[in-house]
Amino acid sequence: MKRPNTSFLQCVVVTATLLALPIEIIAANAGADQSGDPGWPRERNQNGTRLLVYQPQVDDWKNFQELSWRMAISLTPKGGKEVLGVVEMKGNTLVDDMAKVVIISNPEVTGTYFPSLDQATKEKVDQLFKSFVPSTLNISLHRLIASMPKPENAPAGVKLNNDPPKIFVSYRPSILLAVDGEPALSEVPNTNLKFVVNTQWPLFFDEGSSTYYLAVGQQWLTASSLDGRWSPTKKLPPDMSKVAQDKQWSALKKIVPPPAKAGGVTPAVFYSDKPAEVTLFDGQPVYAQIPGTQLTYATNTDSVVFVFAPTQQFYYLTAGRWFSTSDLQNGPWTYATSDLPPDFARIPQSSPASAILASVPGTDEAKDAVLLAQVPTTMTVKPAEAAAKVKVEYGGEPKFEPIEGTSMSYATNTQDKVIKVGDVYYLCLQGVWFISPNPKGPWTTCTSVPQEIYTVPPSSPV
């Protein structure tokens, strides 16, 4: 499907979910600070005076814009003795979510406490410390969140659709051919071919032979039905050469016609027109024991899979939610986030599996994840440039269905998120909103959307 060139747009999303990475990789990334924060304590030297600052403790982060904090310091004047104290400060913040850094501007000292000093000496030390305060400070977003006071009560929940996705399990190379609902076909100009709009894969349909063609890596697979048996092919419809000449399909030039030797393994294809996941193991599952618990976790998969020994129940994490089954291969799976065995919260920090603690209800890591999800981010967009590069493809004429519980509707035969409010259409693309009186555009960038859009239920496809 044709996609706009939106490299200038930054889609900034903070979530409490784990990405589909091996647990060891997740743990390595969690332990490393990617923000460039040098850590604590920090030392500065100025005119012979030495200042040592320890990690701040947040008192309040009002609206995630006004930060107040306190920190222990050690100040050793030139030729003098070390002085220990506590400093209270405040400042304005801006979150650089790409770098995971909080930039604090206009830092101001609001109070100091030096218990070993008399008033006159305290005033001198105050001024000496203030001479060290720069115009801006920065701190790792994750370090800042970790030092914030945890709310006593969890934020109000929302109604979610916790139905388990279709979970495929494979022990050989495989792909998920996901189509959002019924396949929506759109004509490829000047050919007898059509392509499936509502999928991320290059998927074509030849009406003459009633055959589907799917590009996977450097090879083509073909099948008579989407849920049928897919097999490699070296023979494409003649019109496919015209497809590759279209700039929106230019990436296919290298494999049209198919290479004589495509190389690589032909993957199995799992098709689903509903939410689905593929748990792919490198051979038969291999598990490692987690010390101090009765849990093991799979080490030869990019998915997060655990086994609780007393019940031999499998637990799988996807999109921030846990599902369980007694039969890994065949299911059925049930929602399990609220019923995890207590051992999940007992996973030691030293374990490679500790990275999943952010998705275990009640843990400090989960509370931090909730705080992270509330931190607002800002991005800069060039309105005219952004709008000029937006184009929405539909499978035929645009089709809309009601959004449950609202007076709005959404487009069902496109991969993009188009919402109709009254007689106006809104498109959300990579975190930027666009507006048009026509579902096909042209689109213009908008700076606000109707309040009703915020009432779209979390269970809705949009």
Protein backbone atom coordinates (compact mmCIF):
# COMPACT_ATOMS: atom_id res chain seq x y z
CA MET A 1 0.00 0.00 0.00
CA LYS A 2 1.23 3.45 -0.78
CA ARG A 3 2.63 5.29 2.20
CA PRO A 4 3.60 8.97 2.46
CA ASN A 5 7.21 9.88 3.01
CA THR A 6 6.92 11.10 6.59
CA SER A 7 10.50 10.96 7.79
CA PHE A 8 10.07 14.46 9.17
CA LEU A 9 7.31 13.27 11.48
CA GLN A 10 8.24 11.77 14.80
CA CYS A 11 5.78 9.35 16.28
CA VAL A 12 6.43 9.56 20.00
CA VAL A 13 4.75 6.90 22.06
CA VAL A 14 5.46 6.03 25.68
CA THR A 15 3.92 2.73 26.75
CA ALA A 16 4.20 0.29 29.58
CA THR A 17 4.40 -2.67 27.24
CA LEU A 18 7.45 -4.72 26.33
CA LEU A 19 8.50 -4.96 22.73
CA ALA A 20 8.88 -8.34 21.11
CA LEU A 21 12.57 -8.74 21.87
CA PRO A 22 14.44 -11.63 23.47
CA ILE A 23 14.33 -11.28 27.25
CA GLU A 24 18.12 -11.07 27.43
CA ILE A 25 18.11 -8.10 25.03
CA ILE A 26 15.31 -6.37 26.91
CA ALA A 27 17.22 -6.79 30.16
CA ALA A 28 20.42 -5.43 28.63
CA ASN A 29 18.63 -2.37 27.34
CA ALA A 30 16.87 -1.86 30.65
CA GLY A 31 20.14 -1.96 32.52
CA ALA A 32 21.92 0.46 30.21
CA ASP A 33 21.15 4.15 30.17
CA GLN A 34 20.77 5.09 26.51
CA SER A 35 20.08 8.76 27.24
CA GLY A 36 23.66 9.88 27.73
CA ASP A 37 22.98 10.59 31.43
CA PRO A 38 26.40 10.14 33.12
CA GLY A 39 24.80 8.82 36.29
CA TRP A 40 25.19 9.87 39.92
CA PRO A 41 26.90 11.23 41.93
CA ARG A 42 28.20 14.00 39.66
CA GLU A 43 31.31 16.02 40.38
CA ARG A 44 32.15 19.58 39.33
CA ASN A 45 35.22 21.67 40.07
CA GLN A 46 35.32 25.46 39.83
CA ASN A 47 38.11 27.81 40.96
CA GLY A 48 39.44 25.19 43.32
CA THR A 49 36.05 24.39 44.85
CA ARG A 50 34.72 20.83 44.54
CA LEU A 51 30.98 20.07 44.34
CA LEU A 52 29.59 16.55 44.55
CA VAL A 53 25.85 16.17 43.75
CA TYR A 54 23.92 12.99 44.54
CA GLN A 55 20.88 11.68 42.66
CA PRO A 56 17.89 14.03 43.07
CA GLN A 57 14.70 12.97 44.81
CA VAL A 58 11.57 14.36 43.16
CA ASP A 59 9.04 16.09 45.39
CA ASP A 60 6.57 17.00 42.65
CA TRP A 61 6.32 17.14 38.87
CA LYS A 62 3.27 19.34 38.34
CA ASN A 63 1.62 18.58 35.01
CA PHE A 64 4.98 17.09 34.02
CA GLN A 65 6.13 20.63 33.33
CA GLU A 66 7.14 22.15 36.69
CA LEU A 67 9.63 20.07 38.62
CA SER A 68 10.59 20.47 42.26
CA TRP A 69 13.26 18.29 43.80
CA ARG A 70 15.85 17.98 46.54
CA MET A 71 19.33 16.49 46.51
CA ALA A 72 22.20 15.83 48.86
CA ILE A 73 25.43 17.66 48.09
CA SER A 74 29.01 17.77 49.28
CA LEU A 75 30.76 21.13 48.87
CA THR A 76 34.47 21.59 49.57
CA PRO A 77 35.61 25.24 49.24
CA LYS A 78 39.15 25.93 48.07
CA GLY A 79 41.41 25.45 51.06
CA GLY A 80 38.41 24.66 53.29
CA LYS A 81 36.64 21.67 54.81
CA GLU A 82 33.94 19.55 53.24
CA VAL A 83 30.36 20.68 53.97
CA LEU A 84 27.40 18.31 53.69
CA GLY A 85 23.89 19.54 53.04
CA VAL A 86 20.58 19.24 51.23
CA VAL A 87 19.43 21.63 48.50
CA GLU A 88 15.85 22.16 47.29
CA MET A 89 15.30 23.36 43.74
CA LYS A 90 12.64 23.88 41.09
CA GLY A 91 12.63 24.36 37.32
CA ASN A 92 10.68 23.97 34.09
CA THR A 93 10.96 20.76 32.09
CA LEU A 94 10.89 19.62 28.50
CA VAL A 95 10.95 15.91 27.67
CA ASP A 96 13.11 14.70 24.79
CA ASP A 97 11.44 11.33 24.41
CA MET A 98 13.66 10.19 21.54
CA ALA A 99 16.76 10.60 23.73
CA LYS A 100 14.89 9.71 26.94
CA VAL A 101 16.16 12.89 28.58
CA VAL A 102 14.38 15.52 30.68
CA ILE A 103 15.81 19.01 30.12
CA ILE A 104 15.37 21.30 33.13
CA SER A 105 15.47 25.03 32.34
CA ASN A 106 15.57 28.03 34.67
CA PRO A 107 16.70 25.99 37.71
CA GLU A 108 16.18 27.93 40.91
CA VAL A 109 17.39 27.21 44.45
CA THR A 110 14.39 27.39 46.80
CA GLY A 111 16.05 26.23 50.00
CA THR A 112 19.23 24.86 51.54
CA TYR A 113 19.99 22.95 54.72
CA PHE A 114 23.52 22.81 56.16
CA PRO A 115 23.09 21.57 59.75
CA SER A 116 26.76 21.99 60.71
CA LEU A 117 27.07 25.68 59.78
CA ASP A 118 26.23 28.91 61.57
CA GLN A 119 24.01 31.45 59.78
CA ALA A 120 26.84 33.63 58.45
CA THR A 121 28.77 30.68 57.02
CA LYS A 122 25.57 29.17 55.64
CA GLU A 123 24.89 32.31 53.60
CA LYS A 124 28.37 32.17 52.09
CA VAL A 125 27.99 28.47 51.22
CA ASP A 126 24.57 29.26 49.70
CA GLN A 127 26.15 31.76 47.33
CA LEU A 128 29.02 29.43 46.57
CA PHE A 129 26.62 26.63 45.61
CA LYS A 130 24.49 28.96 43.48
CA SER A 131 27.57 29.85 41.44
CA PHE A 132 27.62 26.22 40.29
CA VAL A 133 23.99 26.18 39.07
CA PRO A 134 23.91 26.17 35.23
CA SER A 135 21.17 27.63 33.03
CA THR A 136 19.94 24.14 32.13
CA LEU A 137 20.23 20.66 33.58
CA ASN A 138 19.40 17.27 32.16
CA ILE A 139 18.59 13.93 33.68
CA SER A 140 17.58 10.56 32.30
CA LEU A 141 13.80 10.25 32.00
CA HIS A 142 13.93 6.78 33.53
CA ARG A 143 16.07 7.94 36.45
CA LEU A 144 13.67 10.80 37.10
CA ILE A 145 10.63 8.55 37.04
CA ALA A 146 12.35 6.09 39.38
CA SER A 147 12.95 8.88 41.92
CA MET A 148 9.36 10.14 41.91
CA PRO A 149 6.99 9.36 44.78
CA LYS A 150 4.71 6.51 43.82
CA PRO A 151 0.97 7.25 43.92
CA GLU A 152 -0.85 5.37 46.66
CA ASN A 153 -3.81 4.67 44.45
CA ALA A 154 -3.67 3.38 40.91
CA PRO A 155 -5.17 5.67 38.26
CA ALA A 156 -8.72 4.96 37.21
CA GLY A 157 -8.89 2.11 34.76
CA VAL A 158 -10.60 2.04 31.39
CA LYS A 159 -12.60 -0.69 29.75
CA LEU A 160 -10.33 -2.69 27.47
CA ASN A 161 -10.93 -5.59 25.16
CA ASN A 162 -8.88 -8.32 26.80
CA ASP A 163 -9.95 -11.10 24.47
CA PRO A 164 -6.85 -13.12 23.61
CA PRO A 165 -5.49 -12.71 20.09
CA LYS A 166 -5.05 -15.72 17.88
CA ILE A 167 -1.65 -17.07 18.97
CA PHE A 168 0.28 -19.19 16.49
CA VAL A 169 3.28 -21.19 17.70
CA SER A 170 5.98 -22.31 15.28
CA TYR A 171 9.33 -24.05 15.55
CA ARG A 172 10.57 -22.98 12.13
CA PRO A 173 10.84 -19.64 10.24
CA SER A 174 7.34 -18.19 9.87
CA ILE A 175 5.52 -14.95 9.16
CA LEU A 176 2.14 -13.54 10.17
CA LEU A 177 0.10 -12.42 7.19
CA ALA A 178 -2.22 -10.07 9.06
CA VAL A 179 -5.12 -8.43 7.25
CA ASP A 180 -7.30 -5.94 9.11
CA GLY A 181 -10.71 -7.52 8.59
CA GLU A 182 -11.97 -8.65 5.22
CA PRO A 183 -9.35 -8.11 2.44
CA ALA A 184 -9.90 -4.76 0.74
CA LEU A 185 -8.73 -4.87 -2.89
CA SER A 186 -7.62 -1.85 -4.87
CA GLU A 187 -6.73 -1.79 -8.55
CA VAL A 188 -3.16 -1.39 -9.68
CA PRO A 189 -3.39 1.16 -12.54
CA ASN A 190 -2.83 -0.15 -16.08
CA THR A 191 -2.79 -3.80 -14.97
CA ASN A 192 -5.15 -6.67 -14.32
CA LEU A 193 -3.81 -6.92 -10.80
CA LYS A 194 -5.16 -5.72 -7.49
CA PHE A 195 -3.40 -5.26 -4.17
CA VAL A 196 -4.70 -5.77 -0.65
CA VAL A 197 -4.96 -2.36 0.99
CA ASN A 198 -5.46 -3.35 4.61
CA THR A 199 -2.23 -5.23 5.22
CA GLN A 200 1.40 -4.18 5.67
CA TRP A 201 2.63 -6.85 3.25
CA PRO A 202 3.10 -6.47 -0.54
CA LEU A 203 0.14 -8.72 -1.33
CA PHE A 204 -1.35 -8.89 -4.85
CA PHE A 205 -4.29 -10.69 -6.44
CA ASP A 206 -4.49 -11.81 -10.05
CA GLU A 207 -8.16 -11.99 -11.02
CA GLY A 208 -7.41 -13.95 -14.17
CA SER A 209 -6.03 -16.93 -12.27
CA SER A 210 -7.67 -16.18 -8.89
CA THR A 211 -4.23 -16.37 -7.31
CA TYR A 212 -2.54 -14.38 -4.56
CA TYR A 213 1.13 -13.35 -4.73
CA LEU A 214 3.08 -12.36 -1.62
CA ALA A 215 6.57 -10.82 -1.56
CA VAL A 216 8.62 -12.08 1.39
CA GLY A 217 12.23 -11.00 1.52
CA GLN A 218 13.84 -11.95 -1.79
CA GLN A 219 11.21 -14.47 -2.83
CA TRP A 220 7.59 -14.73 -3.89
CA LEU A 221 4.97 -17.03 -2.41
CA THR A 222 1.67 -17.91 -4.03
CA ALA A 223 -1.65 -19.42 -2.90
CA SER A 224 -5.17 -19.78 -4.22
CA SER A 225 -6.63 -18.47 -0.96
CA LEU A 226 -5.21 -16.34 1.86
CA ASP A 227 -5.68 -19.08 4.43
CA GLY A 228 -4.49 -21.78 2.06
CA ARG A 229 -1.12 -23.41 1.51
CA TRP A 230 1.57 -20.97 0.38
CA SER A 231 4.40 -22.18 -1.82
CA PRO A 232 7.38 -20.49 -3.51
CA THR A 233 7.06 -19.50 -7.15
CA LYS A 234 9.37 -18.23 -9.88
CA LYS A 235 6.52 -17.33 -12.24
CA LEU A 236 4.67 -14.03 -11.81
CA PRO A 237 1.81 -12.55 -13.85
CA PRO A 238 3.19 -10.52 -16.80
CA ASP A 239 1.60 -7.34 -15.41
CA MET A 240 3.81 -7.57 -12.31
CA SER A 241 6.61 -5.93 -14.29
CA LYS A 242 4.41 -2.82 -14.61
CA VAL A 243 3.82 -2.82 -10.86
CA ALA A 244 7.53 -2.55 -10.17
CA GLN A 245 7.75 0.53 -12.42
CA ASP A 246 5.34 2.44 -10.19
CA LYS A 247 7.29 4.46 -7.62
CA GLN A 248 5.06 3.28 -4.80
CA TRP A 249 6.21 -0.29 -5.50
CA SER A 250 9.78 0.56 -6.52
CA ALA A 251 11.17 -1.60 -3.70
CA LEU A 252 9.96 -4.65 -5.65
CA LYS A 253 12.24 -4.00 -8.64
CA LYS A 254 14.96 -6.25 -7.25
CA ILE A 255 12.65 -9.26 -7.17
CA VAL A 256 10.66 -8.68 -10.39
CA PRO A 257 11.28 -11.01 -12.10
CA PRO A 258 12.08 -13.36 -9.21
CA PRO A 259 15.82 -13.98 -8.72
CA ALA A 260 17.10 -17.28 -10.05
CA LYS A 261 18.45 -18.03 -6.59
CA ALA A 262 16.41 -16.24 -3.96
CA GLY A 263 18.27 -17.84 -1.08
CA GLY A 264 17.01 -18.12 2.45
CA VAL A 265 14.42 -20.43 3.93
CA THR A 266 10.84 -20.37 2.71
CA PRO A 267 8.80 -19.40 5.77
CA ALA A 268 5.50 -20.83 6.87
CA VAL A 269 2.64 -18.35 6.47
CA PHE A 270 0.03 -17.88 9.19
CA TYR A 271 -2.97 -15.89 7.99
CA SER A 272 -5.36 -13.98 10.22
CA ASP A 273 -7.97 -11.28 9.62
CA LYS A 274 -8.21 -10.65 13.38
CA PRO A 275 -5.60 -9.64 15.98
CA ALA A 276 -2.95 -12.36 16.08
CA GLU A 277 0.59 -13.10 17.21
CA VAL A 278 3.27 -15.58 16.16
CA THR A 279 5.47 -17.11 18.84
CA LEU A 280 8.50 -18.35 16.95
CA PHE A 281 10.98 -20.70 18.58
CA ASP A 282 14.40 -21.63 17.22
CA GLY A 283 13.67 -25.33 17.33
CA GLN A 284 11.95 -26.89 20.32
CA PRO A 285 11.51 -24.55 23.32
CA VAL A 286 14.45 -24.20 25.71
CA TYR A 287 13.77 -22.89 29.22
CA ALA A 288 15.92 -21.39 31.98
CA GLN A 289 15.13 -21.46 35.69
CA ILE A 290 14.61 -18.17 37.57
CA PRO A 291 16.29 -18.40 41.02
CA GLY A 292 14.02 -18.01 44.02
CA THR A 293 10.88 -18.78 42.01
CA GLN A 294 9.07 -21.70 40.43
CA LEU A 295 9.19 -20.00 37.05
CA THR A 296 11.15 -20.77 33.92
CA TYR A 297 11.35 -18.62 30.79
CA ALA A 298 11.97 -19.47 27.15
CA THR A 299 15.44 -18.49 25.90
CA ASN A 300 15.21 -19.39 22.22
CA THR A 301 12.39 -17.09 21.12
CA ASP A 302 11.85 -13.37 20.57
CA SER A 303 8.56 -13.73 22.43
CA VAL A 304 8.09 -13.53 26.20
CA VAL A 305 7.05 -17.00 27.34
CA PHE A 306 7.08 -18.33 30.93
CA VAL A 307 6.09 -21.61 32.56
CA PHE A 308 4.87 -21.90 36.16
CA ALA A 309 6.11 -25.29 37.36
CA PRO A 310 3.39 -26.22 39.92
CA THR A 311 0.61 -26.00 37.33
CA GLN A 312 2.66 -26.37 34.12
CA GLN A 313 0.75 -23.35 32.86
CA PHE A 314 2.26 -21.25 30.07
CA TYR A 315 2.19 -17.44 30.26
CA TYR A 316 2.69 -15.21 27.23
CA LEU A 317 3.13 -11.41 27.22
CA THR A 318 1.99 -9.34 24.26
CA ALA A 319 0.91 -5.70 23.97
CA GLY A 320 1.38 -5.30 27.72
CA ARG A 321 -1.07 -8.07 28.60
CA TRP A 322 -0.58 -11.61 29.86
CA PHE A 323 -2.37 -14.66 28.47
CA SER A 324 -2.12 -18.24 29.69
CA THR A 325 -2.78 -21.76 28.50
CA SER A 326 -2.05 -25.33 29.50
CA ASP A 327 -1.34 -26.28 25.86
CA LEU A 328 1.26 -24.06 24.18
CA GLN A 329 0.67 -25.42 20.69
CA ASN A 330 -3.12 -25.61 20.59
CA GLY A 331 -4.44 -23.33 23.36
CA PRO A 332 -7.01 -22.11 24.16
CA TRP A 333 -5.56 -18.94 25.68
CA THR A 334 -7.20 -16.85 28.40
CA TYR A 335 -6.51 -13.36 29.77
CA ALA A 336 -4.22 -13.69 32.81
CA THR A 337 -2.82 -10.28 33.77
CA SER A 338 -4.95 -10.12 36.92
CA ASP A 339 -4.21 -13.74 37.87
CA LEU A 340 -0.44 -14.03 37.60
CA PRO A 341 1.20 -16.31 40.18
CA PRO A 342 2.90 -14.28 42.98
CA ASP A 343 6.28 -15.60 41.80
CA PHE A 344 6.21 -13.15 38.89
CA ALA A 345 6.61 -10.25 41.35
CA ARG A 346 9.46 -12.14 43.06
CA ILE A 347 11.70 -12.27 39.99
CA PRO A 348 15.07 -10.90 41.22
CA GLN A 349 16.52 -7.80 39.60
CA SER A 350 19.65 -9.79 38.75
CA SER A 351 17.69 -12.14 36.50
CA PRO A 352 17.58 -11.52 32.73
CA ALA A 353 13.83 -12.05 33.09
CA SER A 354 13.45 -9.05 35.43
CA ALA A 355 12.70 -6.80 32.46
CA ILE A 356 9.10 -8.03 32.49
CA LEU A 357 8.48 -6.63 35.98
CA ALA A 358 7.13 -3.45 34.35
CA SER A 359 4.21 -5.58 33.14
CA VAL A 360 3.54 -7.31 36.46
CA PRO A 361 0.75 -5.50 38.37
CA GLY A 362 1.75 -4.10 41.76
CA THR A 363 5.52 -3.95 41.23
CA ASP A 364 7.46 -0.70 41.52
CA GLU A 365 8.50 -1.17 37.91
CA ALA A 366 4.85 -1.32 36.84
CA LYS A 367 4.10 1.85 38.81
CA ASP A 368 7.04 3.56 37.08
CA ALA A 369 5.67 2.43 33.73
CA VAL A 370 2.32 4.04 34.55
CA LEU A 371 4.11 7.31 35.37
CA LEU A 372 6.08 7.11 32.13
CA ALA A 373 2.87 6.66 30.19
CA GLN A 374 1.59 9.95 31.59
CA VAL A 375 4.61 12.03 30.58
CA PRO A 376 3.56 14.29 27.67
CA THR A 377 5.86 14.76 24.70
CA THR A 378 6.17 17.54 22.15
CA MET A 379 7.09 17.39 18.49
CA THR A 380 7.51 19.99 15.77
CA VAL A 381 5.74 19.60 12.44
CA LYS A 382 5.84 21.72 9.29
CA PRO A 383 2.09 21.81 8.52
CA ALA A 384 2.17 22.41 4.77
CA GLU A 385 4.99 19.96 4.18
CA ALA A 386 3.31 17.29 6.29
CA ALA A 387 -0.08 17.63 4.60
CA ALA A 388 1.37 17.61 1.08
CA LYS A 389 2.80 14.13 1.58
CA VAL A 390 -0.32 12.47 2.94
CA LYS A 391 -2.40 10.16 0.78
CA VAL A 392 -4.89 7.57 1.98
CA GLU A 393 -5.55 4.45 -0.12
CA TYR A 394 -8.88 2.64 0.09
CA GLY A 395 -9.98 -0.72 -1.24
CA GLY A 396 -12.56 0.76 -3.59
CA GLU A 397 -14.87 3.50 -2.37
CA PRO A 398 -14.36 4.44 1.30
CA LYS A 399 -16.47 2.36 3.68
CA PHE A 400 -17.32 3.46 7.22
CA GLU A 401 -18.72 1.67 10.27
CA PRO A 402 -20.01 3.22 13.53
CA ILE A 403 -17.69 3.57 16.52
CA GLU A 404 -19.52 1.89 19.37
CA GLY A 405 -21.00 4.26 21.93
CA THR A 406 -20.41 7.38 19.83
CA SER A 407 -21.94 9.26 16.90
CA MET A 408 -18.69 8.86 14.94
CA SER A 409 -17.63 6.27 12.38
CA TYR A 410 -14.30 4.98 11.05
CA ALA A 411 -13.00 3.78 7.69
CA THR A 412 -12.84 0.00 7.42
CA ASN A 413 -11.19 -0.54 4.03
CA THR A 414 -7.93 1.27 4.60
CA GLN A 415 -4.91 0.67 6.80
CA ASP A 416 -4.97 4.30 7.90
CA LYS A 417 -7.01 5.65 10.80
CA VAL A 418 -9.75 7.88 9.35
CA ILE A 419 -12.56 9.03 11.63
CA LYS A 420 -15.74 10.77 10.47
CA VAL A 421 -17.19 13.37 12.84
CA GLY A 422 -20.36 14.90 11.41
CA ASP A 423 -19.47 15.85 7.83
CA VAL A 424 -15.74 16.20 8.48
CA TYR A 425 -12.99 13.58 8.26
CA TYR A 426 -9.98 13.36 10.59
CA LEU A 427 -6.86 11.33 9.90
CA CYS A 428 -4.29 10.42 12.57
CA LEU A 429 -0.96 9.54 10.98
CA GLN A 430 2.20 9.04 13.02
CA GLY A 431 0.91 11.16 15.87
CA VAL A 432 -0.19 14.07 13.66
CA TRP A 433 -3.81 14.98 12.93
CA PHE A 434 -5.11 16.00 9.52
CA ILE A 435 -8.55 17.22 8.44
CA SER A 436 -10.54 17.13 5.20
CA PRO A 437 -14.12 17.53 3.98
CA ASN A 438 -13.52 14.43 1.83
CA PRO A 439 -12.42 10.96 3.02
CA LYS A 440 -9.82 10.85 0.24
CA GLY A 441 -8.43 14.31 0.95
CA PRO A 442 -6.76 16.58 0.15
CA TRP A 443 -5.66 16.81 3.78
CA THR A 444 -4.55 19.79 5.84
CA THR A 445 -2.80 19.69 9.20
CA CYS A 446 -5.02 20.55 12.15
CA THR A 447 -3.97 21.75 15.59
CA SER A 448 -6.96 20.40 17.50
CA VAL A 449 -9.65 17.77 17.12
CA PRO A 450 -13.24 17.59 18.42
CA GLN A 451 -13.56 16.56 22.05
CA GLU A 452 -15.71 13.62 20.95
CA ILE A 453 -12.68 11.93 19.41
CA TYR A 454 -11.31 11.53 22.94
CA THR A 455 -14.33 9.36 23.74
CA VAL A 456 -13.35 6.61 21.28
CA PRO A 457 -13.35 3.47 23.47
CA PRO A 458 -10.05 1.59 23.85
CA SER A 459 -11.69 -1.52 22.39
CA SER A 460 -12.27 0.23 19.06
CA PRO A 461 -9.96 -0.58 16.10
CA VAL A 462 -9.12 3.16 15.99
